[in-house]
Amino acid sequence: MNKKLGKISLIAAALLLNSYAYADYPLTCRGGGSLSIHNVGGNQVQIRFSPGAGAVTNGLQPGQCTWSDRALRDSEPRRICDSSSSASSYVAQLLNSNAYTIFQIGQGRPGCFSVTRVGP
């Protein structure tokens, strides 16, 4: 019985860790370029971007986003979803190719990062 509970506990822990894989992890985006912003109803905004070539210290071209310490993996989304009322406060900044926005990212639905907050 203990072995069975141990396996269930390990599976539950793995699922929990996977579901919070991006809890408040900074993703930096440079505005402009091919970055696109879509209002998908209500307060929900979807931002499509191109991945940067490496970590943010390697620099970003307009329309690119990347992690602070590494490039995005091929399996990671190229879309950010924000359903908070704060989206209107940064959307204009994303149109400016000289502006950078830092999103704190949480696990979203498949194919989409979710914003937990904006700022460092």
PDB file of N, CA and C in Angstrom:
ATOM      1  N   MET A   1       0.822  -1.194   0.000  1.00  0.00           N
ATOM      2  CA  MET A   1       0.000   0.000   0.000  1.00  0.00           C
ATOM      3  C   MET A   1       0.864   1.254   0.000  1.00  0.00           C
ATOM      4  N   ASN A   2       1.951   1.272   0.760  1.00  0.00           N
ATOM      5  CA  ASN A   2       2.833   2.427   0.783  1.00  0.00           C
ATOM      6  C   ASN A   2       3.466   2.691  -0.578  1.00  0.00           C
ATOM      7  N   LYS A   3       3.842   1.612  -1.290  1.00  0.00           N
ATOM      8  CA  LYS A   3       4.436   1.780  -2.618  1.00  0.00           C
ATOM      9  C   LYS A   3       3.442   2.445  -3.560  1.00  0.00           C
ATOM     10  N   LYS A   4       2.196   2.037  -3.479  1.00  0.00           N
ATOM     11  CA  LYS A   4       1.158   2.609  -4.334  1.00  0.00           C
ATOM     12  C   LYS A   4       0.962   4.090  -4.017  1.00  0.00           C
ATOM     13  N   LEU A   5       0.892   4.429  -2.738  1.00  0.00           N
ATOM     14  CA  LEU A   5       0.751   5.836  -2.338  1.00  0.00           C
ATOM     15  C   LEU A   5       1.975   6.638  -2.736  1.00  0.00           C
ATOM     16  N   GLY A   6       3.153   6.008  -2.630  1.00  0.00           N
ATOM     17  CA  GLY A   6       4.392   6.681  -3.032  1.00  0.00           C
ATOM     18  C   GLY A   6       4.380   7.033  -4.507  1.00  0.00           C
ATOM     19  N   LYS A   7       3.926   6.097  -5.358  1.00  0.00           N
ATOM     20  CA  LYS A   7       3.838   6.359  -6.794  1.00  0.00           C
ATOM     21  C   LYS A   7       2.824   7.452  -7.097  1.00  0.00           C
ATOM     22  N   ILE A   8       1.693   7.403  -6.422  1.00  0.00           N
ATOM     23  CA  ILE A   8       0.671   8.436  -6.625  1.00  0.00           C
ATOM     24  C   ILE A   8       1.211   9.790  -6.198  1.00  0.00           C
ATOM     25  N   SER A   9       1.938   9.839  -5.088  1.00  0.00           N
ATOM     26  CA  SER A   9       2.517  11.095  -4.614  1.00  0.00           C
ATOM     27  C   SER A   9       3.529  11.644  -5.610  1.00  0.00           C
ATOM     28  N   LEU A  10       4.355  10.769  -6.174  1.00  0.00           N
ATOM     29  CA  LEU A  10       5.329  11.208  -7.165  1.00  0.00           C
ATOM     30  C   LEU A  10       4.644  11.750  -8.417  1.00  0.00           C
ATOM     31  N   ILE A  11       3.611  11.087  -8.858  1.00  0.00           N
ATOM     32  CA  ILE A  11       2.868  11.555 -10.036  1.00  0.00           C
ATOM     33  C   ILE A  11       2.214  12.893  -9.743  1.00  0.00           C
ATOM     34  N   ALA A  12       1.601  13.024  -8.579  1.00  0.00           N
ATOM     35  CA  ALA A  12       0.965  14.292  -8.200  1.00  0.00           C
ATOM     36  C   ALA A  12       1.992  15.410  -8.118  1.00  0.00           C
ATOM     37  N   ALA A  13       3.166  15.119  -7.548  1.00  0.00           N
ATOM     38  CA  ALA A  13       4.221  16.135  -7.448  1.00  0.00           C
ATOM     39  C   ALA A  13       4.711  16.547  -8.831  1.00  0.00           C
ATOM     40  N   ALA A  14       4.875  15.587  -9.732  1.00  0.00           N
ATOM     41  CA  ALA A  14       5.319  15.899 -11.092  1.00  0.00           C
ATOM     42  C   ALA A  14       4.297  16.763 -11.814  1.00  0.00           C
ATOM     43  N   LEU A  15       3.014  16.438 -11.666  1.00  0.00           N
ATOM     44  CA  LEU A  15       1.972  17.243 -12.299  1.00  0.00           C
ATOM     45  C   LEU A  15       1.946  18.653 -11.732  1.00  0.00           C
ATOM     46  N   LEU A  16       2.108  18.779 -10.427  1.00  0.00           N
ATOM     47  CA  LEU A  16       2.112  20.086  -9.788  1.00  0.00           C
ATOM     48  C   LEU A  16       3.294  20.913 -10.258  1.00  0.00           C
ATOM     49  N   LEU A  17       4.482  20.310 -10.309  1.00  0.00           N
ATOM     50  CA  LEU A  17       5.664  21.034 -10.781  1.00  0.00           C
ATOM     51  C   LEU A  17       5.507  21.454 -12.233  1.00  0.00           C
ATOM     52  N   ASN A  18       4.957  20.580 -13.055  1.00  0.00           N
ATOM     53  CA  ASN A  18       4.767  20.899 -14.467  1.00  0.00           C
ATOM     54  C   ASN A  18       3.777  22.040 -14.644  1.00  0.00           C
ATOM     55  N   SER A  19       2.734  22.095 -13.845  1.00  0.00           N
ATOM     56  CA  SER A  19       1.717  23.124 -14.014  1.00  0.00           C
ATOM     57  C   SER A  19       2.190  24.491 -13.553  1.00  0.00           C
ATOM     58  N   TYR A  20       3.262  24.548 -12.784  1.00  0.00           N
ATOM     59  CA  TYR A  20       3.803  25.829 -12.341  1.00  0.00           C
ATOM     60  C   TYR A  20       5.199  26.075 -12.904  1.00  0.00           C
ATOM     61  N   ALA A  21       5.495  25.485 -14.035  1.00  0.00           N
ATOM     62  CA  ALA A  21       6.829  25.559 -14.607  1.00  0.00           C
ATOM     63  C   ALA A  21       7.294  26.980 -14.875  1.00  0.00           C
ATOM     64  N   TYR A  22       6.388  27.902 -15.116  1.00  0.00           N
ATOM     65  CA  TYR A  22       6.776  29.269 -15.439  1.00  0.00           C
ATOM     66  C   TYR A  22       6.290  30.268 -14.395  1.00  0.00           C
ATOM     67  N   ALA A  23       6.063  29.843 -13.176  1.00  0.00           N
ATOM     68  CA  ALA A  23       5.505  30.733 -12.162  1.00  0.00           C
ATOM     69  C   ALA A  23       6.401  31.952 -11.970  1.00  0.00           C
ATOM     70  N   ASP A  24       5.901  33.107 -12.379  1.00  0.00           N
ATOM     71  CA  ASP A  24       6.614  34.376 -12.234  1.00  0.00           C
ATOM     72  C   ASP A  24       8.035  34.341 -12.777  1.00  0.00           C
ATOM     73  N   TYR A  25       8.177  33.904 -14.001  1.00  0.00           N
ATOM     74  CA  TYR A  25       9.475  33.871 -14.651  1.00  0.00           C
ATOM     75  C   TYR A  25       9.509  34.992 -15.688  1.00  0.00           C
ATOM     76  N   PRO A  26      10.549  35.843 -15.689  1.00  0.00           N
ATOM     77  CA  PRO A  26      10.548  37.027 -16.558  1.00  0.00           C
ATOM     78  C   PRO A  26      10.818  36.736 -18.038  1.00  0.00           C
ATOM     79  N   LEU A  27       9.916  37.224 -18.868  1.00  0.00           N
ATOM     80  CA  LEU A  27      10.047  37.157 -20.317  1.00  0.00           C
ATOM     81  C   LEU A  27      10.096  38.603 -20.806  1.00  0.00           C
ATOM     82  N   THR A  28      11.187  38.980 -21.452  1.00  0.00           N
ATOM     83  CA  THR A  28      11.357  40.349 -21.929  1.00  0.00           C
ATOM     84  C   THR A  28      11.002  40.424 -23.403  1.00  0.00           C
ATOM     85  N   CYS A  29      10.220  41.430 -23.760  1.00  0.00           N
ATOM     86  CA  CYS A  29       9.804  41.625 -25.146  1.00  0.00           C
ATOM     87  C   CYS A  29      10.216  43.017 -25.613  1.00  0.00           C
ATOM     88  N   ARG A  30      10.688  43.088 -26.841  1.00  0.00           N
ATOM     89  CA  ARG A  30      10.952  44.371 -27.476  1.00  0.00           C
ATOM     90  C   ARG A  30       9.789  44.653 -28.411  1.00  0.00           C
ATOM     91  N   GLY A  31       9.231  45.823 -28.307  1.00  0.00           N
ATOM     92  CA  GLY A  31       8.069  46.175 -29.113  1.00  0.00           C
ATOM     93  C   GLY A  31       8.386  46.328 -30.595  1.00  0.00           C
ATOM     94  N   GLY A  32       7.347  46.566 -31.375  1.00  0.00           N
ATOM     95  CA  GLY A  32       7.488  46.803 -32.809  1.00  0.00           C
ATOM     96  C   GLY A  32       7.717  45.533 -33.596  1.00  0.00           C
ATOM     97  N   GLY A  33       8.315  45.694 -34.770  1.00  0.00           N
ATOM     98  CA  GLY A  33       8.617  44.554 -35.622  1.00  0.00           C
ATOM     99  C   GLY A  33       7.388  43.756 -35.976  1.00  0.00           C
ATOM    100  N   SER A  34       7.526  42.441 -35.945  1.00  0.00           N
ATOM    101  CA  SER A  34       6.420  41.550 -36.310  1.00  0.00           C
ATOM    102  C   SER A  34       5.509  41.234 -35.134  1.00  0.00           C
ATOM    103  N   LEU A  35       5.774  41.831 -33.976  1.00  0.00           N
ATOM    104  CA  LEU A  35       4.932  41.589 -32.805  1.00  0.00           C
ATOM    105  C   LEU A  35       3.517  42.061 -33.114  1.00  0.00           C
ATOM    106  N   SER A  36       2.535  41.223 -32.824  1.00  0.00           N
ATOM    107  CA  SER A  36       1.146  41.603 -33.094  1.00  0.00           C
ATOM    108  C   SER A  36       0.309  41.464 -31.833  1.00  0.00           C
ATOM    109  N   ILE A  37      -0.666  42.342 -31.698  1.00  0.00           N
ATOM    110  CA  ILE A  37      -1.523  42.389 -30.522  1.00  0.00           C
ATOM    111  C   ILE A  37      -2.963  42.256 -30.986  1.00  0.00           C
ATOM    112  N   HIS A  38      -3.690  41.323 -30.389  1.00  0.00           N
ATOM    113  CA  HIS A  38      -5.081  41.096 -30.765  1.00  0.00           C
ATOM    114  C   HIS A  38      -5.964  41.130 -29.529  1.00  0.00           C
ATOM    115  N   ASN A  39      -7.033  41.899 -29.595  1.00  0.00           N
ATOM    116  CA  ASN A  39      -8.047  41.877 -28.546  1.00  0.00           C
ATOM    117  C   ASN A  39      -9.004  40.762 -28.924  1.00  0.00           C
ATOM    118  N   VAL A  40      -9.122  39.767 -28.048  1.00  0.00           N
ATOM    119  CA  VAL A  40      -9.968  38.621 -28.362  1.00  0.00           C
ATOM    120  C   VAL A  40     -11.258  38.622 -27.549  1.00  0.00           C
ATOM    121  N   GLY A  41     -11.652  39.803 -27.114  1.00  0.00           N
ATOM    122  CA  GLY A  41     -12.910  39.951 -26.391  1.00  0.00           C
ATOM    123  C   GLY A  41     -12.699  40.270 -24.931  1.00  0.00           C
ATOM    124  N   GLY A  42     -13.542  41.142 -24.427  1.00  0.00           N
ATOM    125  CA  GLY A  42     -13.425  41.540 -23.027  1.00  0.00           C
ATOM    126  C   GLY A  42     -12.078  42.186 -22.780  1.00  0.00           C
ATOM    127  N   ASN A  43     -11.437  41.808 -21.711  1.00  0.00           N
ATOM    128  CA  ASN A  43     -10.105  42.321 -21.389  1.00  0.00           C
ATOM    129  C   ASN A  43      -8.989  41.466 -21.958  1.00  0.00           C
ATOM    130  N   GLN A  44      -9.309  40.373 -22.637  1.00  0.00           N
ATOM    131  CA  GLN A  44      -8.263  39.447 -23.068  1.00  0.00           C
ATOM    132  C   GLN A  44      -7.507  39.942 -24.291  1.00  0.00           C
ATOM    133  N   VAL A  45      -6.182  39.920 -24.150  1.00  0.00           N
ATOM    134  CA  VAL A  45      -5.267  40.325 -25.224  1.00  0.00           C
ATOM    135  C   VAL A  45      -4.345  39.154 -25.518  1.00  0.00           C
ATOM    136  N   GLN A  46      -4.079  38.913 -26.796  1.00  0.00           N
ATOM    137  CA  GLN A  46      -3.092  37.915 -27.202  1.00  0.00           C
ATOM    138  C   GLN A  46      -1.991  38.633 -27.968  1.00  0.00           C
ATOM    139  N   ILE A  47      -0.766  38.352 -27.576  1.00  0.00           N
ATOM    140  CA  ILE A  47       0.406  38.979 -28.183  1.00  0.00           C
ATOM    141  C   ILE A  47       1.221  37.883 -28.846  1.00  0.00           C
ATOM    142  N   ARG A  48       1.423  38.009 -30.134  1.00  0.00           N
ATOM    143  CA  ARG A  48       2.257  37.039 -30.869  1.00  0.00           C
ATOM    144  C   ARG A  48       3.614  37.688 -31.108  1.00  0.00           C
ATOM    145  N   PHE A  49       4.666  36.896 -30.919  1.00  0.00           N
ATOM    146  CA  PHE A  49       6.021  37.427 -31.030  1.00  0.00           C
ATOM    147  C   PHE A  49       6.930  36.410 -31.699  1.00  0.00           C
ATOM    148  N   SER A  50       8.110  36.862 -32.074  1.00  0.00           N
ATOM    149  CA  SER A  50       9.159  35.975 -32.582  1.00  0.00           C
ATOM    150  C   SER A  50      10.130  35.723 -31.435  1.00  0.00           C
ATOM    151  N   PRO A  51      10.724  34.537 -31.383  1.00  0.00           N
ATOM    152  CA  PRO A  51      11.670  34.256 -30.301  1.00  0.00           C
ATOM    153  C   PRO A  51      13.017  34.937 -30.550  1.00  0.00           C
ATOM    154  N   GLY A  52      13.623  35.419 -29.467  1.00  0.00           N
ATOM    155  CA  GLY A  52      14.974  35.963 -29.566  1.00  0.00           C
ATOM    156  C   GLY A  52      15.977  34.845 -29.798  1.00  0.00           C
ATOM    157  N   ALA A  53      17.174  35.209 -30.244  1.00  0.00           N
ATOM    158  CA  ALA A  53      18.195  34.212 -30.570  1.00  0.00           C
ATOM    159  C   ALA A  53      18.849  33.578 -29.346  1.00  0.00           C
ATOM    160  N   GLY A  54      18.746  34.236 -28.199  1.00  0.00           N
ATOM    161  CA  GLY A  54      19.373  33.707 -26.992  1.00  0.00           C
ATOM    162  C   GLY A  54      18.765  34.364 -25.776  1.00  0.00           C
ATOM    163  N   ALA A  55      19.549  34.440 -24.712  1.00  0.00           N
ATOM    164  CA  ALA A  55      19.101  35.126 -23.504  1.00  0.00           C
ATOM    165  C   ALA A  55      18.949  36.616 -23.790  1.00  0.00           C
ATOM    166  N   VAL A  56      18.210  37.314 -22.948  1.00  0.00           N
ATOM    167  CA  VAL A  56      17.955  38.741 -23.165  1.00  0.00           C
ATOM    168  C   VAL A  56      19.257  39.543 -23.240  1.00  0.00           C
ATOM    169  N   THR A  57      20.315  39.092 -22.570  1.00  0.00           N
ATOM    170  CA  THR A  57      21.597  39.806 -22.623  1.00  0.00           C
ATOM    171  C   THR A  57      22.223  39.767 -24.013  1.00  0.00           C
ATOM    172  N   ASN A  58      21.756  38.864 -24.872  1.00  0.00           N
ATOM    173  CA  ASN A  58      22.239  38.801 -26.262  1.00  0.00           C
ATOM    174  C   ASN A  58      21.581  39.851 -27.135  1.00  0.00           C
ATOM    175  N   GLY A  59      20.551  40.523 -26.597  1.00  0.00           N
ATOM    176  CA  GLY A  59      19.840  41.550 -27.358  1.00  0.00           C
ATOM    177  C   GLY A  59      18.605  40.992 -28.037  1.00  0.00           C
ATOM    178  N   LEU A  60      17.698  41.898 -28.359  1.00  0.00           N
ATOM    179  CA  LEU A  60      16.457  41.541 -29.039  1.00  0.00           C
ATOM    180  C   LEU A  60      16.250  42.449 -30.242  1.00  0.00           C
ATOM    181  N   GLN A  61      15.731  41.885 -31.290  1.00  0.00           N
ATOM    182  CA  GLN A  61      15.297  42.663 -32.443  1.00  0.00           C
ATOM    183  C   GLN A  61      13.850  43.083 -32.190  1.00  0.00           C
ATOM    184  N   PRO A  62      13.367  44.126 -32.869  1.00  0.00           N
ATOM    185  CA  PRO A  62      11.956  44.501 -32.704  1.00  0.00           C
ATOM    186  C   PRO A  62      11.032  43.307 -32.954  1.00  0.00           C
ATOM    187  N   GLY A  63      10.050  43.138 -32.053  1.00  0.00           N
ATOM    188  CA  GLY A  63       9.082  42.059 -32.183  1.00  0.00           C
ATOM    189  C   GLY A  63       9.494  40.744 -31.555  1.00  0.00           C
ATOM    190  N   GLN A  64      10.653  40.711 -30.897  1.00  0.00           N
ATOM    191  CA  GLN A  64      11.132  39.475 -30.286  1.00  0.00           C
ATOM    192  C   GLN A  64      10.956  39.483 -28.771  1.00  0.00           C
ATOM    193  N   CYS A  65      10.816  38.281 -28.208  1.00  0.00           N
ATOM    194  CA  CYS A  65      10.772  38.078 -26.761  1.00  0.00           C
ATOM    195  C   CYS A  65      11.702  36.922 -26.416  1.00  0.00           C
ATOM    196  N   THR A  66      12.246  36.948 -25.196  1.00  0.00           N
ATOM    197  CA  THR A  66      13.099  35.863 -24.745  1.00  0.00           C
ATOM    198  C   THR A  66      13.181  35.847 -23.226  1.00  0.00           C
ATOM    199  N   TRP A  67      13.682  34.750 -22.694  1.00  0.00           N
ATOM    200  CA  TRP A  67      13.891  34.610 -21.255  1.00  0.00           C
ATOM    201  C   TRP A  67      15.137  35.369 -20.838  1.00  0.00           C
ATOM    202  N   SER A  68      15.252  35.632 -19.556  1.00  0.00           N
ATOM    203  CA  SER A  68      16.402  36.372 -19.048  1.00  0.00           C
ATOM    204  C   SER A  68      17.694  35.553 -19.122  1.00  0.00           C
ATOM    205  N   ASP A  69      17.579  34.226 -19.083  1.00  0.00           N
ATOM    206  CA  ASP A  69      18.784  33.402 -19.013  1.00  0.00           C
ATOM    207  C   ASP A  69      18.992  32.439 -20.185  1.00  0.00           C
ATOM    208  N   ARG A  70      18.041  32.388 -21.103  1.00  0.00           N
ATOM    209  CA  ARG A  70      18.172  31.447 -22.227  1.00  0.00           C
ATOM    210  C   ARG A  70      17.168  31.795 -23.320  1.00  0.00           C
ATOM    211  N   ALA A  71      17.389  31.163 -24.464  1.00  0.00           N
ATOM    212  CA  ALA A  71      16.431  31.292 -25.573  1.00  0.00           C
ATOM    213  C   ALA A  71      15.197  30.445 -25.290  1.00  0.00           C
ATOM    214  N   LEU A  72      14.113  30.742 -25.969  1.00  0.00           N
ATOM    215  CA  LEU A  72      12.926  29.905 -25.861  1.00  0.00           C
ATOM    216  C   LEU A  72      13.204  28.558 -26.516  1.00  0.00           C
ATOM    217  N   ARG A  73      12.625  27.533 -25.955  1.00  0.00           N
ATOM    218  CA  ARG A  73      12.725  26.207 -26.564  1.00  0.00           C
ATOM    219  C   ARG A  73      11.717  26.119 -27.704  1.00  0.00           C
ATOM    220  N   ASP A  74      11.960  25.218 -28.635  1.00  0.00           N
ATOM    221  CA  ASP A  74      11.041  25.034 -29.758  1.00  0.00           C
ATOM    222  C   ASP A  74       9.638  24.678 -29.286  1.00  0.00           C
ATOM    223  N   SER A  75       9.536  23.986 -28.151  1.00  0.00           N
ATOM    224  CA  SER A  75       8.236  23.541 -27.643  1.00  0.00           C
ATOM    225  C   SER A  75       7.484  24.625 -26.871  1.00  0.00           C
ATOM    226  N   GLU A  76       8.107  25.778 -26.617  1.00  0.00           N
ATOM    227  CA  GLU A  76       7.455  26.833 -25.844  1.00  0.00           C
ATOM    228  C   GLU A  76       6.624  27.749 -26.737  1.00  0.00           C
ATOM    229  N   PRO A  77       5.546  28.288 -26.190  1.00  0.00           N
ATOM    230  CA  PRO A  77       4.642  29.130 -26.982  1.00  0.00           C
ATOM    231  C   PRO A  77       5.315  30.377 -27.560  1.00  0.00           C
ATOM    232  N   ARG A  78       4.719  30.894 -28.594  1.00  0.00           N
ATOM    233  CA  ARG A  78       5.136  32.169 -29.207  1.00  0.00           C
ATOM    234  C   ARG A  78       3.999  33.166 -29.065  1.00  0.00           C
ATOM    235  N   ARG A  79       3.226  32.977 -28.005  1.00  0.00           N
ATOM    236  CA  ARG A  79       2.048  33.805 -27.771  1.00  0.00           C
ATOM    237  C   ARG A  79       1.906  34.042 -26.272  1.00  0.00           C
ATOM    238  N   ILE A  80       1.545  35.259 -25.915  1.00  0.00           N
ATOM    239  CA  ILE A  80       1.289  35.644 -24.531  1.00  0.00           C
ATOM    240  C   ILE A  80      -0.187  35.991 -24.435  1.00  0.00           C
ATOM    241  N   CYS A  81      -0.860  35.490 -23.403  1.00  0.00           N
ATOM    242  CA  CYS A  81      -2.273  35.800 -23.186  1.00  0.00           C
ATOM    243  C   CYS A  81      -2.423  36.530 -21.855  1.00  0.00           C
ATOM    244  N   ASP A  82      -3.140  37.633 -21.886  1.00  0.00           N
ATOM    245  CA  ASP A  82      -3.379  38.412 -20.669  1.00  0.00           C
ATOM    246  C   ASP A  82      -4.848  38.776 -20.616  1.00  0.00           C
ATOM    247  N   SER A  83      -5.504  38.371 -19.547  1.00  0.00           N
ATOM    248  CA  SER A  83      -6.924  38.692 -19.401  1.00  0.00           C
ATOM    249  C   SER A  83      -7.155  39.671 -18.255  1.00  0.00           C
ATOM    250  N   SER A  84      -6.077  40.287 -17.775  1.00  0.00           N
ATOM    251  CA  SER A  84      -6.227  41.257 -16.693  1.00  0.00           C
ATOM    252  C   SER A  84      -6.566  42.634 -17.262  1.00  0.00           C
ATOM    253  N   SER A  85      -7.051  43.478 -16.413  1.00  0.00           N
ATOM    254  CA  SER A  85      -7.381  44.841 -16.858  1.00  0.00           C
ATOM    255  C   SER A  85      -6.137  45.679 -17.068  1.00  0.00           C
ATOM    256  N   SER A  86      -4.964  45.179 -16.662  1.00  0.00           N
ATOM    257  CA  SER A  86      -3.731  45.954 -16.813  1.00  0.00           C
ATOM    258  C   SER A  86      -3.185  45.941 -18.241  1.00  0.00           C
ATOM    259  N   ALA A  87      -3.714  45.090 -19.111  1.00  0.00           N
ATOM    260  CA  ALA A  87      -3.207  44.996 -20.480  1.00  0.00           C
ATOM    261  C   ALA A  87      -3.218  46.351 -21.182  1.00  0.00           C
ATOM    262  N   SER A  88      -4.227  47.148 -20.929  1.00  0.00           N
ATOM    263  CA  SER A  88      -4.315  48.454 -21.592  1.00  0.00           C
ATOM    264  C   SER A  88      -3.174  49.388 -21.196  1.00  0.00           C
ATOM    265  N   SER A  89      -2.522  49.124 -20.057  1.00  0.00           N
ATOM    266  CA  SER A  89      -1.442  49.999 -19.599  1.00  0.00           C
ATOM    267  C   SER A  89      -0.123  49.770 -20.335  1.00  0.00           C
ATOM    268  N   TYR A  90       0.047  48.649 -20.998  1.00  0.00           N
ATOM    269  CA  TYR A  90       1.321  48.383 -21.674  1.00  0.00           C
ATOM    270  C   TYR A  90       1.200  48.146 -23.173  1.00  0.00           C
ATOM    271  N   VAL A  91       0.011  47.999 -23.697  1.00  0.00           N
ATOM    272  CA  VAL A  91      -0.165  47.680 -25.118  1.00  0.00           C
ATOM    273  C   VAL A  91       0.484  48.730 -26.017  1.00  0.00           C
ATOM    274  N   ALA A  92       0.321  49.995 -25.714  1.00  0.00           N
ATOM    275  CA  ALA A  92       0.924  51.056 -26.542  1.00  0.00           C
ATOM    276  C   ALA A  92       2.441  50.946 -26.557  1.00  0.00           C
ATOM    277  N   GLN A  93       3.026  50.548 -25.448  1.00  0.00           N
ATOM    278  CA  GLN A  93       4.483  50.392 -25.363  1.00  0.00           C
ATOM    279  C   GLN A  93       4.967  49.301 -26.315  1.00  0.00           C
ATOM    280  N   LEU A  94       4.151  48.260 -26.522  1.00  0.00           N
ATOM    281  CA  LEU A  94       4.545  47.162 -27.401  1.00  0.00           C
ATOM    282  C   LEU A  94       4.574  47.573 -28.879  1.00  0.00           C
ATOM    283  N   LEU A  95       4.014  48.703 -29.199  1.00  0.00           N
ATOM    284  CA  LEU A  95       4.059  49.201 -30.578  1.00  0.00           C
ATOM    285  C   LEU A  95       5.368  49.920 -30.874  1.00  0.00           C
ATOM    286  N   ASN A  96       6.102  50.294 -29.849  1.00  0.00           N
ATOM    287  CA  ASN A  96       7.331  51.072 -29.975  1.00  0.00           C
ATOM    288  C   ASN A  96       8.537  50.136 -30.035  1.00  0.00           C
ATOM    289  N   SER A  97       9.279  50.168 -31.123  1.00  0.00           N
ATOM    290  CA  SER A  97      10.427  49.269 -31.289  1.00  0.00           C
ATOM    291  C   SER A  97      11.600  49.632 -30.377  1.00  0.00           C
ATOM    292  N   ASN A  98      11.553  50.785 -29.736  1.00  0.00           N
ATOM    293  CA  ASN A  98      12.606  51.162 -28.792  1.00  0.00           C
ATOM    294  C   ASN A  98      12.230  50.857 -27.349  1.00  0.00           C
ATOM    295  N   ALA A  99      11.062  50.269 -27.128  1.00  0.00           N
ATOM    296  CA  ALA A  99      10.582  49.993 -25.775  1.00  0.00           C
ATOM    297  C   ALA A  99      10.674  48.504 -25.462  1.00  0.00           C
ATOM    298  N   TYR A 100      10.965  48.215 -24.220  1.00  0.00           N
ATOM    299  CA  TYR A 100      11.058  46.845 -23.732  1.00  0.00           C
ATOM    300  C   TYR A 100      10.041  46.662 -22.608  1.00  0.00           C
ATOM    301  N   THR A 101       9.355  45.527 -22.604  1.00  0.00           N
ATOM    302  CA  THR A 101       8.385  45.199 -21.565  1.00  0.00           C
ATOM    303  C   THR A 101       8.771  43.861 -20.963  1.00  0.00           C
ATOM    304  N   ILE A 102       8.760  43.789 -19.643  1.00  0.00           N
ATOM    305  CA  ILE A 102       9.056  42.538 -18.946  1.00  0.00           C
ATOM    306  C   ILE A 102       7.744  41.983 -18.409  1.00  0.00           C
ATOM    307  N   PHE A 103       7.426  40.785 -18.849  1.00  0.00           N
ATOM    308  CA  PHE A 103       6.236  40.080 -18.381  1.00  0.00           C
ATOM    309  C   PHE A 103       6.671  39.010 -17.393  1.00  0.00           C
ATOM    310  N   GLN A 104       5.989  38.916 -16.277  1.00  0.00           N
ATOM    311  CA  GLN A 104       6.184  37.785 -15.373  1.00  0.00           C
ATOM    312  C   GLN A 104       5.207  36.722 -15.856  1.00  0.00           C
ATOM    313  N   ILE A 105       5.742  35.569 -16.207  1.00  0.00           N
ATOM    314  CA  ILE A 105       4.976  34.535 -16.895  1.00  0.00           C
ATOM    315  C   ILE A 105       4.601  33.403 -15.951  1.00  0.00           C
ATOM    316  N   GLY A 106       3.352  32.988 -16.058  1.00  0.00           N
ATOM    317  CA  GLY A 106       2.860  31.810 -15.359  1.00  0.00           C
ATOM    318  C   GLY A 106       2.416  30.803 -16.394  1.00  0.00           C
ATOM    319  N   GLN A 107       2.147  29.612 -15.963  1.00  0.00           N
ATOM    320  CA  GLN A 107       1.694  28.567 -16.884  1.00  0.00           C
ATOM    321  C   GLN A 107       0.322  28.930 -17.429  1.00  0.00           C
ATOM    322  N   GLY A 108       0.183  28.986 -18.699  1.00  0.00           N
ATOM    323  CA  GLY A 108      -1.094  29.288 -19.330  1.00  0.00           C
ATOM    324  C   GLY A 108      -1.700  28.038 -19.921  1.00  0.00           C
ATOM    325  N   ARG A 109      -2.663  28.248 -20.765  1.00  0.00           N
ATOM    326  CA  ARG A 109      -3.227  27.093 -21.461  1.00  0.00           C
ATOM    327  C   ARG A 109      -2.247  26.681 -22.554  1.00  0.00           C
ATOM    328  N   PRO A 110      -2.400  25.509 -23.119  1.00  0.00           N
ATOM    329  CA  PRO A 110      -1.450  25.057 -24.140  1.00  0.00           C
ATOM    330  C   PRO A 110      -1.302  26.086 -25.266  1.00  0.00           C
ATOM    331  N   GLY A 111      -0.063  26.373 -25.619  1.00  0.00           N
ATOM    332  CA  GLY A 111       0.219  27.296 -26.708  1.00  0.00           C
ATOM    333  C   GLY A 111       0.198  28.762 -26.333  1.00  0.00           C
ATOM    334  N   CYS A 112       0.066  29.071 -25.045  1.00  0.00           N
ATOM    335  CA  CYS A 112      -0.046  30.473 -24.651  1.00  0.00           C
ATOM    336  C   CYS A 112       0.517  30.680 -23.239  1.00  0.00           C
ATOM    337  N   PHE A 113       1.475  31.591 -23.105  1.00  0.00           N
ATOM    338  CA  PHE A 113       1.953  31.981 -21.787  1.00  0.00           C
ATOM    339  C   PHE A 113       0.918  32.892 -21.144  1.00  0.00           C
ATOM    340  N   SER A 114       0.768  32.812 -19.832  1.00  0.00           N
ATOM    341  CA  SER A 114      -0.129  33.736 -19.151  1.00  0.00           C
ATOM    342  C   SER A 114       0.676  34.751 -18.360  1.00  0.00           C
ATOM    343  N   VAL A 115       0.172  35.955 -18.261  1.00  0.00           N
ATOM    344  CA  VAL A 115       0.835  37.044 -17.547  1.00  0.00           C
ATOM    345  C   VAL A 115       0.342  37.050 -16.104  1.00  0.00           C
ATOM    346  N   THR A 116       1.281  36.962 -15.154  1.00  0.00           N
ATOM    347  CA  THR A 116       0.914  37.083 -13.757  1.00  0.00           C
ATOM    348  C   THR A 116       1.023  38.533 -13.315  1.00  0.00           C
ATOM    349  N   ARG A 117       1.970  39.258 -13.919  1.00  0.00           N
ATOM    350  CA  ARG A 117       2.097  40.703 -13.713  1.00  0.00           C
ATOM    351  C   ARG A 117       3.075  41.252 -14.737  1.00  0.00           C
ATOM    352  N   VAL A 118       3.112  42.563 -14.853  1.00  0.00           N
ATOM    353  CA  VAL A 118       4.025  43.231 -15.783  1.00  0.00           C
ATOM    354  C   VAL A 118       5.026  44.031 -14.968  1.00  0.00           C
ATOM    355  N   GLY A 119       6.283  43.894 -15.291  1.00  0.00           N
ATOM    356  CA  GLY A 119       7.345  44.603 -14.588  1.00  0.00           C
ATOM    357  C   GLY A 119       8.378  43.634 -14.059  1.00  0.00           C
ATOM    358  N   PRO A 120       9.526  44.190 -13.678  1.00  0.00           N
ATOM    359  CA  PRO A 120      10.620  43.322 -13.177  1.00  0.00           C
ATOM    360  C   PRO A 120      10.282  42.654 -11.854  1.00  0.00           C
TER     361      PRO A 120
END
